[in-house]
């Protein structure tokens, strides 16, 4: 069965991403960066890729993520994953002072077709994207003006500075569903009761 690959960067919420993905009726598996690259080399291809959050800083990361971004498949970057995405496409990531999380009010830009315009999110206050890459647009902002969500204008790419998978984020399931159904155009392929 084709699956969504959740690339694990050590986020404490990676298992939650899997659970939320399956609750939305999509099959998903957790992989390390190395395992995912090996599978790609072996000719395997996921339905989509989710780049999880993690405690690292993009300023110390020397890994080559080209094999993921050159694929013509949907990619969702969460926190650290969004920063990797922005860096890869030529945006600017600004160094944060402390890797903490906290509740923030975020505002949805009109371009994002969601039925709500504001919600509370569990947002990372560490490194953040300060200048978006070309071909991207800001689709969600925090109440203090920080970039909380970016979307590619041509490719199925979405980046979130907050964690949609945690219960602290009010509309997280709806945001994930937007990525799967609107951005990625994926067909549901998992039902509760299927073997985990």
Protein backbone atom coordinates (compact mmCIF):
# COMPACT_ATOMS: atom_id res chain seq x y z
CA UNK A 1 0.00 0.00 0.00
CA UNK A 2 1.31 3.44 -0.91
CA UNK A 3 2.02 5.59 2.13
CA UNK A 4 2.82 9.08 3.29
CA UNK A 5 6.40 9.14 4.51
CA UNK A 6 6.93 11.04 7.75
CA UNK A 7 10.62 11.91 7.90
CA UNK A 8 11.66 11.93 11.54
CA UNK A 9 14.02 14.69 12.67
CA UNK A 10 13.63 13.82 16.34
CA UNK A 11 10.45 15.75 17.07
CA UNK A 12 8.66 14.70 20.24
CA UNK A 13 5.45 14.83 18.17
CA UNK A 14 6.38 12.51 15.28
CA UNK A 15 4.17 9.65 16.52
CA UNK A 16 1.31 12.12 16.83
CA UNK A 17 1.69 13.12 13.18
CA UNK A 18 1.27 9.47 12.24
CA UNK A 19 -1.83 9.10 14.38
CA UNK A 20 -3.46 12.27 13.04
CA UNK A 21 -2.65 11.25 9.47
CA UNK A 22 -4.33 7.87 9.98
CA UNK A 23 -7.31 9.49 11.71
CA UNK A 24 -7.77 11.44 8.46
CA UNK A 25 -7.75 8.10 6.59
CA UNK A 26 -4.28 8.21 5.05
CA UNK A 27 -1.68 5.47 5.45
CA UNK A 28 1.62 6.75 6.86
CA UNK A 29 4.98 5.40 8.01
CA UNK A 30 7.81 7.00 10.00
CA UNK A 31 11.27 6.87 8.40
CA UNK A 32 14.71 8.27 9.16
CA UNK A 33 16.31 10.49 6.52
CA UNK A 34 18.71 7.66 5.63
CA UNK A 35 15.94 5.05 5.31
CA UNK A 36 13.86 7.37 3.11
CA UNK A 37 16.83 8.04 0.81
CA UNK A 38 17.52 4.30 0.53
CA UNK A 39 13.91 3.62 -0.40
CA UNK A 40 14.02 6.34 -3.06
CA UNK A 41 17.22 4.84 -4.50
CA UNK A 42 15.47 1.47 -4.60
CA UNK A 43 12.71 3.01 -6.70
CA UNK A 44 10.03 3.35 -4.02
CA UNK A 45 7.91 6.48 -4.06
CA UNK A 46 5.59 7.87 -1.36
CA UNK A 47 2.19 9.50 -1.80
CA UNK A 48 3.59 12.56 -0.04
CA UNK A 49 6.33 13.49 2.40
CA UNK A 50 5.98 15.18 5.78
CA UNK A 51 9.18 16.70 7.17
CA UNK A 52 8.67 16.63 10.94
CA UNK A 53 9.82 19.20 13.42
CA UNK A 54 12.97 18.59 15.43
CA UNK A 55 15.40 20.08 17.94
CA UNK A 56 18.14 20.83 15.40
CA UNK A 57 18.99 24.12 13.73
CA UNK A 58 19.22 24.42 9.95
CA UNK A 59 22.46 26.34 10.51
CA UNK A 60 24.20 23.14 11.67
CA UNK A 61 22.50 20.75 9.23
CA UNK A 62 24.74 19.67 6.32
CA UNK A 63 22.49 16.90 5.00
CA UNK A 64 21.51 17.03 1.30
CA UNK A 65 17.71 17.05 0.99
CA UNK A 66 17.69 17.37 -2.80
CA UNK A 67 16.40 13.78 -3.27
CA UNK A 68 13.19 14.78 -1.47
CA UNK A 69 12.60 18.20 -2.98
CA UNK A 70 13.29 17.14 -6.56
CA UNK A 71 10.43 14.64 -6.37
CA UNK A 72 7.19 15.71 -8.01
CA UNK A 73 5.15 14.79 -4.94
CA UNK A 74 3.50 16.86 -2.20
CA UNK A 75 5.68 17.94 0.73
CA UNK A 76 4.56 19.32 4.09
CA UNK A 77 7.25 20.89 6.26
CA UNK A 78 6.44 21.29 9.96
CA UNK A 79 8.59 23.75 11.98
CA UNK A 80 12.10 22.46 11.27
CA UNK A 81 10.75 20.94 8.05
CA UNK A 82 9.41 24.34 6.95
CA UNK A 83 12.82 25.90 7.61
CA UNK A 84 14.56 23.22 5.53
CA UNK A 85 12.06 23.85 2.74
CA UNK A 86 12.57 27.62 2.84
CA UNK A 87 16.36 27.22 2.90
CA UNK A 88 16.35 24.75 0.00
CA UNK A 89 14.28 27.07 -2.22
CA UNK A 90 16.39 30.14 -1.41
CA UNK A 91 14.54 31.82 1.47
CA UNK A 92 16.10 33.17 4.66
CA UNK A 93 15.94 31.46 8.04
CA UNK A 94 16.68 33.62 11.08
CA UNK A 95 18.34 32.18 14.13
CA UNK A 96 16.15 32.01 17.22
CA UNK A 97 17.29 32.44 20.79
CA UNK A 98 15.63 29.49 22.49
CA UNK A 99 13.95 26.36 21.18
CA UNK A 100 10.64 26.68 22.96
CA UNK A 101 6.99 26.14 22.06
CA UNK A 102 4.03 28.23 23.02
CA UNK A 103 0.48 29.12 22.10
CA UNK A 104 0.11 31.82 19.47
CA UNK A 105 -2.87 33.30 17.73
CA UNK A 106 -2.42 32.84 13.99
CA UNK A 107 -4.23 34.56 11.13
CA UNK A 108 -5.11 32.78 7.88
CA UNK A 109 -4.49 34.83 4.73
CA UNK A 110 -7.39 35.05 2.22
CA UNK A 111 -5.50 32.90 -0.34
CA UNK A 112 -5.83 29.86 1.90
CA UNK A 113 -9.25 28.30 1.36
CA UNK A 114 -10.04 27.41 4.96
CA UNK A 115 -13.44 28.07 6.58
CA UNK A 116 -11.84 29.97 9.48
CA UNK A 117 -9.55 33.01 9.55
CA UNK A 118 -7.96 32.80 13.00
CA UNK A 119 -7.04 30.06 15.45
CA UNK A 120 -4.70 29.22 18.32
CA UNK A 121 -1.64 27.20 17.36
CA UNK A 122 1.24 25.52 19.19
CA UNK A 123 4.10 27.42 17.59
CA UNK A 124 7.85 26.97 17.68
CA UNK A 125 9.67 30.09 18.83
CA UNK A 126 13.14 28.95 17.77
CA UNK A 127 14.60 29.50 14.28
CA UNK A 128 12.03 30.91 11.86
CA UNK A 129 11.65 31.91 8.22
CA UNK A 130 12.16 35.66 7.87
CA UNK A 131 12.22 35.93 4.05
CA UNK A 132 10.19 33.51 1.96
CA UNK A 133 11.65 31.98 -1.21
CA UNK A 134 10.53 33.04 -4.68
CA UNK A 135 7.44 31.18 -5.91
CA UNK A 136 6.16 30.98 -2.31
CA UNK A 137 3.47 33.06 -0.64
CA UNK A 138 2.73 33.66 3.04
CA UNK A 139 -0.57 31.96 3.86
CA UNK A 140 -0.59 32.14 7.68
CA UNK A 141 0.88 34.76 10.02
CA UNK A 142 1.17 34.85 13.80
CA UNK A 143 -0.45 37.70 15.69
CA UNK A 144 2.99 39.30 16.16
CA UNK A 145 3.68 39.26 12.44
CA UNK A 146 5.94 36.20 12.19
CA UNK A 147 5.53 33.92 9.17
CA UNK A 148 3.54 30.90 10.35
CA UNK A 149 2.71 29.25 7.03
CA UNK A 150 4.02 29.34 3.45
CA UNK A 151 2.79 27.68 0.27
CA UNK A 152 4.42 27.22 -3.14
CA UNK A 153 2.49 28.91 -5.93
CA UNK A 154 3.07 26.10 -8.45
CA UNK A 155 4.18 22.94 -6.63
CA UNK A 156 2.32 21.03 -3.87
CA UNK A 157 4.49 22.40 -1.04
CA UNK A 158 3.22 23.71 2.30
CA UNK A 159 5.29 24.82 5.30
CA UNK A 160 3.98 25.41 8.83
CA UNK A 161 5.88 27.01 11.70
CA UNK A 162 3.41 25.47 14.15
CA UNK A 163 2.47 21.87 15.02
CA UNK A 164 -0.93 20.99 13.52
CA UNK A 165 -0.82 17.51 15.09
CA UNK A 166 -0.99 18.56 18.76
CA UNK A 167 -4.23 19.20 20.65
CA UNK A 168 -3.03 22.70 21.60
CA UNK A 169 -3.54 23.68 17.95
CA UNK A 170 -7.28 24.32 17.62
CA UNK A 171 -7.74 23.64 13.90
CA UNK A 172 -4.81 21.31 13.33
CA UNK A 173 -6.83 18.46 11.81
CA UNK A 174 -8.44 20.87 9.34
CA UNK A 175 -5.03 22.25 8.33
CA UNK A 176 -3.65 18.73 7.80
CA UNK A 177 -6.77 17.81 5.82
CA UNK A 178 -6.25 20.92 3.67
CA UNK A 179 -2.73 19.71 2.85
CA UNK A 180 -3.83 16.16 2.04
CA UNK A 181 -6.95 16.99 0.05
CA UNK A 182 -6.55 20.50 -1.38
CA UNK A 183 -2.78 20.85 -1.83
CA UNK A 184 -1.91 17.19 -2.47
CA UNK A 185 -5.16 15.89 -4.05
CA UNK A 186 -4.63 12.54 -2.30
CA UNK A 187 -7.15 9.71 -2.20
CA UNK A 188 -7.94 8.30 1.25
CA UNK A 189 -6.40 4.82 1.67
CA UNK A 190 -6.59 3.96 5.38
CA UNK A 191 -9.46 3.05 7.65
CA UNK A 192 -9.55 2.82 11.43
CA UNK A 193 -9.20 -0.84 12.22
CA UNK A 194 -6.53 -1.47 9.59
CA UNK A 195 -3.42 -3.03 11.03
CA UNK A 196 -1.17 -0.37 12.61
